[in-house]
Amino acid sequence: MERFRQSLKVQRERAILVGAILKRTKLGDDLAELSALAESADAQVVDRFQQKLNSILPATYIGKGKAEELAERVIRYEADVVIFDNNLSPGQIRALESILKVKVLDRSELILDIFATRAQTRQAKLQVELAQLEYTYPRLTRMWSHLDTIAGAGGGTGAGAVGGIGTRGPGEKQLEIDRRLVNKRISELKEELKEIDQRKLREISGRHDLFKVGLVGYTNAGKSTLLNALTDSDVYVKDQLFATLDTRTRKWCPERGLEVLVSDTVGFVRNLPHQLVASFKATLEEAVHADLLLHVVDVSNSEVLDQVEAVNQVLKEIGCHRKPTILVLNKTDVIETTGPLDLLQTLHPDSVTISAKTQMGLTALSEIICDRFRGRELHLKVTCSHSDGRTQSFLRAQGQLLEETYGDDKVCIECILGRNQLPGLKRLSPLDIEFVA
């Protein structure tokens, strides 16, 4: 069905959404998330179609009868594309397109298309292209109708005189050519992204002296708005899925003497294609190397509990599930019912309730982050030389001074300092550090 699949993009196309789920699973919110994804891809949703299945049907996923019913809807609503809230096999896509006579996309293809339209930087564009190629590669066999054998260099005539002796033969299938080209491009992209990854890791490792906070969460949960509210920056914000693909890091001083780096990361989504998780590894390194994660949650969303679980699943996949994390319950200014909020506060008593848009609760969040930054407080006596201005400045900026005693050639400073700041003090090489009980 090559004529239906010249492009995987769905901009300005009339779309019918399809959700097929097994009977043991509850129906979703009327395909609300898929609808938001389709609209983010600039498609016009003209109809929704949901069906419960006893089991997935290998040929068409939803069964031939339902596929024919769907074909009638395609004609009735003059649809250009049918989008499934499921991941389909290449054979299922081809069978459905032969019945529906329009392009069929699955959930992963739609998300990949949205990422492609959102990518702005060189790194994001390379990451999206790699994910698209890795998704497409195993589907080459069944998704295209042009995979015919191409005549060899000597083919085309009875005598095979075009190429001469030694060049004749059965030729090469278009499938093999496509696979070779895709493989070559994948290798090129991986090499280029490897260099970017190494630069990114060097950049992150250069921040080892600073406390790093990573913002993670479901797409459109308000991470970028929170970054702007905390750091007075102007990161692009829009009420849109995957509005931000590139990591943005800003310096934040929650109180005098404390410097924190806050990084906004790409939003997660349910059933995020694993190709995207793999290709966006460098972007997610900010979360991997963060000292503290802020898991931002949109409590106004009816599927908030499922979204929290989806984010936790991705964090586990990238190895961040054991990191210190604060659950930040955002958008409390627009909630219609407090049920999900009350439940999350019960399940996560250490969570913080805020509204990044109105800046409600940000003071409490800042205090908690400062406490995590310092760790458990230590009572110290630090002895250093009079000329050691670096140690004295560090203690005055980072700690709470209790007493200073000056001798002939040294000064003893009694202070309260956070445990997490102790390594920074030791790197300054004071003469003596005594812990006071």
Protein backbone atom coordinates (compact mmCIF):
# COMPACT_ATOMS: atom_id res chain seq x y z
CA MET A 1 0.00 0.00 0.00
CA GLU A 2 2.78 2.38 -0.96
CA ARG A 3 0.39 5.14 -2.05
CA PHE A 4 -1.00 5.35 1.49
CA ARG A 5 2.39 5.58 3.20
CA GLN A 6 4.38 8.17 1.30
CA SER A 7 4.69 9.97 4.62
CA LEU A 8 4.18 9.11 8.28
CA LYS A 9 3.25 12.71 9.05
CA VAL A 10 -0.35 13.56 9.89
CA GLN A 11 -0.32 17.37 9.68
CA ARG A 12 -3.66 18.84 8.53
CA GLU A 13 -5.12 15.39 7.94
CA ARG A 14 -8.53 14.17 9.05
CA ALA A 15 -7.96 11.36 11.54
CA ILE A 16 -10.04 8.56 13.03
CA LEU A 17 -8.74 7.29 16.36
CA VAL A 18 -8.99 3.60 17.27
CA GLY A 19 -8.51 2.03 20.68
CA ALA A 20 -8.62 -1.75 20.97
CA ILE A 21 -8.09 -3.23 24.42
CA LEU A 22 -8.40 -6.62 26.03
CA LYS A 23 -11.55 -7.18 28.09
CA ARG A 24 -9.60 -7.63 31.31
CA THR A 25 -8.41 -4.03 30.97
CA LYS A 26 -10.52 -0.99 31.77
CA LEU A 27 -11.46 1.37 28.96
CA GLY A 28 -9.42 4.54 28.88
CA ASP A 29 -10.66 8.11 29.01
CA ASP A 30 -12.33 8.03 25.58
CA LEU A 31 -8.96 8.04 23.81
CA ALA A 32 -8.24 11.41 25.41
CA GLU A 33 -4.45 11.04 25.37
CA LEU A 34 -4.35 9.72 21.80
CA SER A 35 -6.57 12.63 20.78
CA ALA A 36 -4.15 15.08 22.43
CA LEU A 37 -1.23 13.37 20.67
CA ALA A 38 -3.01 13.57 17.30
CA GLU A 39 -3.82 17.24 17.82
CA SER A 40 -0.20 17.85 18.82
CA ALA A 41 0.70 16.42 15.41
CA ASP A 42 -1.72 18.98 13.89
CA ALA A 43 -4.28 16.38 12.80
CA GLN A 44 -8.03 17.01 12.91
CA VAL A 45 -9.80 14.26 14.87
CA VAL A 46 -13.12 13.49 13.17
CA ASP A 47 -14.14 10.24 14.90
CA ARG A 48 -13.23 7.86 17.74
CA PHE A 49 -13.64 4.10 17.69
CA GLN A 50 -13.12 1.82 20.72
CA GLN A 51 -13.47 -1.94 20.96
CA LYS A 52 -12.91 -4.57 23.64
CA LEU A 53 -11.25 -7.78 22.51
CA ASN A 54 -11.06 -11.23 24.02
CA SER A 55 -7.65 -11.52 22.38
CA ILE A 56 -5.59 -9.72 19.77
CA LEU A 57 -6.30 -11.01 16.26
CA PRO A 58 -3.04 -11.66 14.38
CA ALA A 59 -4.19 -10.50 10.93
CA THR A 60 -5.83 -7.13 11.59
CA TYR A 61 -5.62 -6.73 15.38
CA ILE A 62 -9.33 -5.84 15.62
CA GLY A 63 -10.82 -8.48 13.30
CA LYS A 64 -11.93 -8.25 9.68
CA GLY A 65 -15.55 -7.41 10.53
CA LYS A 66 -14.57 -4.46 12.70
CA ALA A 67 -12.03 -3.39 10.09
CA GLU A 68 -14.80 -3.28 7.46
CA GLU A 69 -16.98 -1.28 9.86
CA LEU A 70 -14.05 1.08 10.31
CA ALA A 71 -13.73 1.36 6.53
CA GLU A 72 -17.32 2.64 6.37
CA ARG A 73 -16.45 5.31 8.91
CA VAL A 74 -13.42 6.32 6.84
CA ILE A 75 -15.73 6.97 3.88
CA ARG A 76 -18.41 8.67 6.00
CA TYR A 77 -16.00 11.10 7.69
CA GLU A 78 -13.69 11.47 4.66
CA ALA A 79 -10.72 10.49 6.81
CA ASP A 80 -7.15 10.61 5.54
CA VAL A 81 -5.54 8.55 8.28
CA VAL A 82 -6.52 6.02 10.95
CA ILE A 83 -4.46 6.13 14.15
CA PHE A 84 -4.40 3.19 16.56
CA ASP A 85 -3.75 3.60 20.28
CA ASN A 86 -1.88 0.31 20.00
CA ASN A 87 1.42 -0.83 18.53
CA LEU A 88 0.73 -2.79 15.36
CA SER A 89 2.88 -5.26 13.48
CA PRO A 90 3.90 -4.45 9.88
CA GLY A 91 1.60 -7.20 8.61
CA GLN A 92 -1.36 -5.80 10.54
CA ILE A 93 -0.73 -2.31 9.16
CA ARG A 94 -0.57 -3.62 5.60
CA ALA A 95 -3.74 -5.72 6.03
CA LEU A 96 -5.63 -2.79 7.55
CA GLU A 97 -4.53 -0.40 4.81
CA SER A 98 -5.75 -2.82 2.15
CA ILE A 99 -9.20 -2.77 3.79
CA LEU A 100 -9.42 0.87 4.84
CA LYS A 101 -7.77 2.34 1.72
CA VAL A 102 -6.07 5.04 3.80
CA LYS A 103 -2.86 5.35 5.76
CA VAL A 104 -2.74 3.55 9.13
CA LEU A 105 -0.43 4.67 11.92
CA ASP A 106 0.12 3.10 15.31
CA ARG A 107 0.86 4.87 18.59
CA SER A 108 4.65 4.66 18.27
CA GLU A 109 4.67 6.12 14.75
CA LEU A 110 2.52 9.02 15.92
CA ILE A 111 4.84 9.81 18.83
CA LEU A 112 7.88 9.58 16.55
CA ASP A 113 6.20 12.00 14.14
CA ILE A 114 5.52 14.49 16.95
CA PHE A 115 9.13 14.28 18.11
CA ALA A 116 10.27 14.91 14.54
CA THR A 117 8.23 18.11 14.31
CA ARG A 118 9.39 19.34 17.75
CA ALA A 119 13.13 18.71 17.33
CA GLN A 120 14.99 22.02 17.05
CA THR A 121 18.62 21.38 17.92
CA ARG A 122 21.06 19.26 15.95
CA GLN A 123 21.20 16.71 18.77
CA ALA A 124 17.41 16.33 18.99
CA LYS A 125 17.07 15.96 15.22
CA LEU A 126 19.72 13.24 15.12
CA GLN A 127 18.10 11.42 18.06
CA VAL A 128 14.67 11.47 16.42
CA GLU A 129 16.01 10.34 13.05
CA LEU A 130 17.81 7.43 14.71
CA ALA A 131 14.66 6.40 16.57
CA GLN A 132 12.59 6.57 13.37
CA LEU A 133 15.08 4.46 11.41
CA GLU A 134 15.37 1.85 14.16
CA TYR A 135 11.58 1.65 14.30
CA THR A 136 11.27 1.39 10.51
CA TYR A 137 14.09 -1.09 9.85
CA PRO A 138 12.35 -4.32 11.00
CA ARG A 139 9.19 -3.21 9.18
CA LEU A 140 10.73 -2.86 5.73
CA THR A 141 9.71 -6.36 4.67
CA ARG A 142 5.96 -5.97 5.07
CA MET A 143 5.24 -2.25 4.90
CA TRP A 144 6.15 -1.45 1.34
CA SER A 145 4.92 -2.80 -1.99
CA HIS A 146 7.90 -1.74 -4.11
CA LEU A 147 10.27 -4.47 -2.89
CA ASP A 148 10.66 -6.15 -6.24
CA THR A 149 13.84 -7.64 -7.63
CA ILE A 150 15.93 -5.17 -9.62
CA ALA A 151 17.65 -6.57 -12.65
CA GLY A 152 21.38 -7.07 -12.39
CA ALA A 153 23.82 -4.98 -14.34
CA GLY A 154 23.57 -7.43 -17.22
CA GLY A 155 19.82 -7.91 -16.92
CA GLY A 156 17.17 -6.35 -19.12
CA THR A 157 18.19 -8.04 -22.37
CA GLY A 158 18.26 -11.62 -23.44
CA ALA A 159 21.98 -11.60 -23.96
CA GLY A 160 22.67 -9.50 -20.92
CA ALA A 161 24.98 -7.36 -22.98
CA VAL A 162 24.53 -4.20 -20.95
CA GLY A 163 26.99 -5.06 -18.25
CA GLY A 164 29.11 -7.63 -20.03
CA ILE A 165 30.58 -10.82 -18.72
CA GLY A 166 30.96 -11.04 -14.99
CA THR A 167 28.24 -8.47 -14.23
CA ARG A 168 25.14 -10.52 -15.02
CA GLY A 169 23.03 -12.16 -12.38
CA PRO A 170 19.71 -12.08 -10.58
CA GLY A 171 20.37 -8.58 -9.27
CA GLU A 172 19.58 -7.25 -5.82
CA LYS A 173 16.17 -6.91 -4.23
CA GLN A 174 15.04 -3.40 -3.37
CA LEU A 175 14.51 -4.67 0.18
CA GLU A 176 18.20 -5.47 0.47
CA ILE A 177 19.16 -2.06 -0.90
CA ASP A 178 16.82 -0.33 1.56
CA ARG A 179 18.18 -2.32 4.46
CA ARG A 180 21.77 -1.56 3.52
CA LEU A 181 21.04 2.16 3.22
CA VAL A 182 19.15 2.22 6.52
CA ASN A 183 21.92 0.29 8.27
CA LYS A 184 24.53 2.68 6.90
CA ARG A 185 22.59 5.73 8.07
CA ILE A 186 21.96 4.19 11.51
CA SER A 187 25.71 3.60 11.90
CA GLU A 188 26.46 7.19 10.89
CA LEU A 189 23.89 8.57 13.35
CA LYS A 190 25.17 6.41 16.20
CA GLU A 191 28.74 7.61 15.61
CA GLU A 192 27.68 11.26 15.55
CA LEU A 193 25.49 10.84 18.64
CA LYS A 194 28.33 9.01 20.41
CA GLU A 195 30.47 12.13 20.05
CA ILE A 196 27.60 14.27 21.37
CA ASP A 197 27.10 11.85 24.27
CA GLN A 198 30.77 12.09 25.20
CA ARG A 199 30.68 15.90 25.12
CA LYS A 200 27.50 15.82 27.21
CA LEU A 201 29.08 13.50 29.78
CA ARG A 202 32.16 15.75 29.99
CA GLU A 203 29.87 18.73 30.49
CA ILE A 204 27.92 16.96 33.26
CA SER A 205 31.05 15.61 34.97
CA GLY A 206 32.40 19.17 35.06
CA ARG A 207 29.55 20.07 37.42
CA HIS A 208 30.52 17.58 40.14
CA ASP A 209 30.99 20.37 42.70
CA LEU A 210 27.42 21.64 42.22
CA PHE A 211 24.16 20.17 43.52
CA LYS A 212 22.11 19.01 40.53
CA VAL A 213 18.30 18.80 40.44
CA GLY A 214 16.54 17.06 37.52
CA LEU A 215 12.92 17.76 36.60
CA VAL A 216 11.19 14.62 35.34
CA GLY A 217 7.57 13.81 34.71
CA TYR A 218 4.82 13.05 32.24
CA THR A 219 4.63 15.28 29.19
CA ASN A 220 2.74 18.52 29.81
CA ALA A 221 2.98 18.14 33.60
CA GLY A 222 4.47 21.64 33.94
CA LYS A 223 8.22 20.96 34.21
CA SER A 224 9.27 23.91 32.03
CA THR A 225 6.88 26.23 33.88
CA LEU A 226 8.43 25.12 37.17
CA LEU A 227 11.94 25.69 35.80
CA ASN A 228 10.96 29.23 34.80
CA ALA A 229 9.33 29.89 38.18
CA LEU A 230 12.35 28.70 40.17
CA THR A 231 15.12 30.28 38.09
CA ASP A 232 13.41 33.34 36.55
CA SER A 233 14.28 32.02 33.08
CA ASP A 234 12.22 32.12 29.92
CA VAL A 235 12.25 28.52 28.68
CA TYR A 236 9.61 27.88 26.00
CA VAL A 237 6.31 26.86 27.61
CA LYS A 238 3.10 25.74 25.90
CA ASP A 239 0.06 23.69 26.88
CA GLN A 240 1.09 20.99 24.46
CA LEU A 241 2.44 17.45 24.57
CA PHE A 242 6.22 17.23 24.05
CA ALA A 243 6.60 21.02 23.80
CA THR A 244 10.20 20.60 25.03
CA LEU A 245 12.59 17.96 23.68
CA ASP A 246 15.96 19.45 24.56
CA THR A 247 17.41 19.55 28.06
CA ARG A 248 17.76 23.04 29.48
CA THR A 249 19.87 23.69 32.57
CA ARG A 250 19.67 26.87 34.64
CA LYS A 251 21.50 28.05 37.78
CA TRP A 252 19.29 28.66 40.82
CA CYS A 253 20.18 30.26 44.17
CA PRO A 254 17.38 29.30 46.58
CA GLU A 255 19.12 31.17 49.38
CA ARG A 256 22.36 33.03 49.99
CA GLY A 257 25.41 30.87 49.52
CA LEU A 258 23.60 27.98 47.83
CA GLU A 259 23.97 27.31 44.11
CA VAL A 260 21.87 24.62 42.46
CA LEU A 261 21.68 23.51 38.82
CA VAL A 262 18.12 22.71 37.69
CA SER A 263 17.66 20.72 34.47
CA ASP A 264 14.43 20.25 32.54
CA THR A 265 14.22 16.92 30.69
CA VAL A 266 12.06 15.53 27.90
CA GLY A 267 8.58 14.52 29.07
CA PHE A 268 7.59 10.87 29.31
CA VAL A 269 4.39 9.27 28.08
CA ARG A 270 2.63 5.94 28.42
CA ASN A 271 4.12 3.29 26.13
CA LEU A 272 6.96 5.56 25.06
CA PRO A 273 8.72 3.81 22.13
CA HIS A 274 11.85 2.21 23.48
CA GLN A 275 13.74 3.49 20.42
CA LEU A 276 13.14 7.02 21.72
CA VAL A 277 14.33 6.15 25.21
CA ALA A 278 17.50 4.66 23.72
CA SER A 279 18.23 7.48 21.26
CA PHE A 280 17.50 10.21 23.85
CA LYS A 281 19.96 8.65 26.29
CA ALA A 282 22.22 11.73 26.25
CA THR A 283 19.27 13.99 27.01
CA LEU A 284 18.22 11.77 29.90
CA GLU A 285 21.76 11.78 31.32
CA GLU A 286 20.75 14.92 33.23
CA ALA A 287 18.33 12.76 35.21
CA VAL A 288 20.81 9.91 35.56
CA HIS A 289 23.48 12.19 37.08
CA ALA A 290 21.18 14.38 39.17
CA ASP A 291 21.61 14.44 42.94
CA LEU A 292 17.86 14.92 43.40
CA LEU A 293 14.87 14.34 41.10
CA LEU A 294 11.69 16.39 41.19
CA HIS A 295 8.93 14.18 39.77
CA VAL A 296 6.41 16.77 38.56
CA VAL A 297 2.82 15.48 38.45
CA ASP A 298 -0.25 17.08 36.86
CA VAL A 299 -2.88 16.43 39.55
CA SER A 300 -5.61 17.96 37.37
CA ASN A 301 -5.36 15.07 34.90
CA SER A 302 -7.91 12.28 35.38
CA GLU A 303 -5.23 9.66 34.51
CA VAL A 304 -2.72 11.03 37.01
CA LEU A 305 -2.10 7.70 38.80
CA ASP A 306 -1.37 5.93 35.51
CA GLN A 307 0.93 8.80 34.51
CA VAL A 308 2.91 8.51 37.74
CA GLU A 309 3.35 4.79 37.10
CA ALA A 310 4.41 5.41 33.48
CA VAL A 311 7.11 7.86 34.59
CA ASN A 312 8.35 5.46 37.28
CA GLN A 313 8.62 2.75 34.63
CA VAL A 314 10.81 4.93 32.37
CA LEU A 315 12.94 5.99 35.35
CA LYS A 316 13.49 2.33 36.12
CA GLU A 317 14.42 1.67 32.50
CA ILE A 318 17.16 4.34 32.57
CA GLY A 319 18.37 3.32 36.04
CA CYS A 320 17.04 6.29 38.06
CA HIS A 321 14.35 4.58 40.13
CA ARG A 322 16.51 4.48 43.30
CA LYS A 323 17.54 8.14 43.20
CA PRO A 324 16.33 10.54 45.92
CA THR A 325 13.04 11.86 44.54
CA ILE A 326 10.46 14.43 45.63
CA LEU A 327 6.96 14.05 44.19
CA VAL A 328 5.77 17.54 43.21
CA LEU A 329 1.99 17.74 42.86
CA ASN A 330 1.49 20.54 40.33
CA LYS A 331 -1.50 22.39 38.81
CA THR A 332 -3.46 22.42 42.05
CA ASP A 333 -4.96 25.75 40.95
CA VAL A 334 -7.05 24.05 38.24
CA ILE A 335 -8.11 20.75 39.83
CA GLU A 336 -11.82 19.94 39.61
CA THR A 337 -11.81 17.28 42.33
CA THR A 338 -9.41 16.70 45.21
CA GLY A 339 -9.79 12.90 45.14
CA PRO A 340 -6.57 12.09 43.19
CA LEU A 341 -4.66 14.80 45.11
CA ASP A 342 -5.75 13.39 48.49
CA LEU A 343 -4.83 9.86 47.39
CA LEU A 344 -1.36 10.90 46.18
CA GLN A 345 -0.72 12.82 49.40
CA THR A 346 -1.69 9.71 51.36
CA LEU A 347 0.52 7.42 49.25
CA HIS A 348 3.39 9.93 49.26
CA PRO A 349 3.34 11.85 52.56
CA ASP A 350 6.63 13.59 51.68
CA SER A 351 5.17 15.07 48.47
CA VAL A 352 4.92 18.83 47.93
CA THR A 353 1.77 20.56 46.63
CA ILE A 354 2.38 23.51 44.31
CA SER A 355 1.13 25.51 41.37
CA ALA A 356 4.09 26.45 39.18
CA LYS A 357 1.90 28.86 37.22
CA THR A 358 0.75 30.89 40.25
CA GLN A 359 3.97 30.09 42.24
CA MET A 360 1.91 28.74 45.15
CA GLY A 361 3.95 26.38 47.33
CA LEU A 362 7.33 27.21 45.76
CA THR A 363 8.72 28.54 49.05
CA ALA A 364 8.04 25.22 50.78
CA LEU A 365 9.56 23.34 47.81
CA SER A 366 12.68 25.54 47.96
CA GLU A 367 13.12 24.85 51.69
CA ILE A 368 12.86 21.09 51.13
CA ILE A 369 15.43 21.22 48.31
CA CYS A 370 17.78 23.24 50.54
CA ASP A 371 17.40 20.64 53.30
CA ARG A 372 18.21 17.86 50.82
CA PHE A 373 21.16 19.91 49.58
CA ARG A 374 22.65 20.17 53.05
CA GLY A 375 21.74 16.74 54.32
CA ARG A 376 21.88 16.08 58.06
CA GLU A 377 23.44 18.99 59.93
CA LEU A 378 26.85 18.52 61.54
CA HIS A 379 28.39 20.51 64.42
CA LEU A 380 32.03 21.18 63.50
CA LYS A 381 35.15 22.96 64.69
CA VAL A 382 37.37 23.82 61.74
CA THR A 383 40.93 25.04 62.23
CA CYS A 384 42.78 26.75 59.40
CA SER A 385 45.48 29.39 58.89
CA HIS A 386 44.67 33.10 58.97
CA SER A 387 45.61 33.33 55.28
CA ASP A 388 43.21 30.54 54.22
CA GLY A 389 40.50 32.84 52.94
CA ARG A 390 38.90 30.14 50.80
CA THR A 391 37.99 27.94 53.79
CA GLN A 392 36.73 30.90 55.82
CA SER A 393 34.61 32.20 52.91
CA PHE A 394 33.19 28.69 52.32
CA LEU A 395 32.10 28.32 55.95
CA ARG A 396 30.55 31.79 56.08
CA ALA A 397 28.63 31.21 52.84
CA GLN A 398 27.60 27.59 53.29
CA GLY A 399 27.30 27.16 57.06
CA GLN A 400 25.99 28.78 60.20
CA LEU A 401 28.85 30.28 62.22
CA LEU A 402 28.64 29.89 66.01
CA GLU A 403 32.03 31.14 67.22
CA GLU A 404 35.42 32.25 65.86
CA THR A 405 38.59 32.01 67.95
CA TYR A 406 41.82 33.56 66.68
CA GLY A 407 45.29 32.35 67.70
CA ASP A 408 48.78 33.47 66.70
CA ASP A 409 48.80 31.86 63.25
CA LYS A 410 45.44 30.11 62.95
CA VAL A 411 41.72 30.53 63.44
CA CYS A 412 39.23 28.04 64.89
CA ILE A 413 35.69 28.35 63.51
CA GLU A 414 32.81 26.55 65.23
CA CYS A 415 29.85 26.13 62.87
CA ILE A 416 26.86 24.10 61.69
CA LEU A 417 27.33 22.56 58.23
CA GLY A 418 25.30 20.14 56.13
CA ARG A 419 26.70 16.64 55.66
CA ASN A 420 26.46 16.97 51.85
CA GLN A 421 28.74 20.04 52.01
CA LEU A 422 31.46 18.25 53.95
CA PRO A 423 33.27 16.88 50.82
CA GLY A 424 33.53 20.43 49.47
CA LEU A 425 35.05 21.61 52.74
CA LYS A 426 37.58 18.76 52.80
CA ARG A 427 38.74 19.62 49.27
CA LEU A 428 39.81 23.05 50.61
CA SER A 429 42.37 21.34 52.90
CA PRO A 430 41.75 22.99 56.29
CA LEU A 431 44.27 22.11 58.97
CA ASP A 432 41.83 20.24 61.17
CA ILE A 433 38.13 19.28 61.27
CA GLU A 434 36.69 18.23 64.63
CA PHE A 435 33.17 16.83 64.99
CA VAL A 436 31.37 18.15 68.08
CA ALA A 437 28.95 15.74 69.75
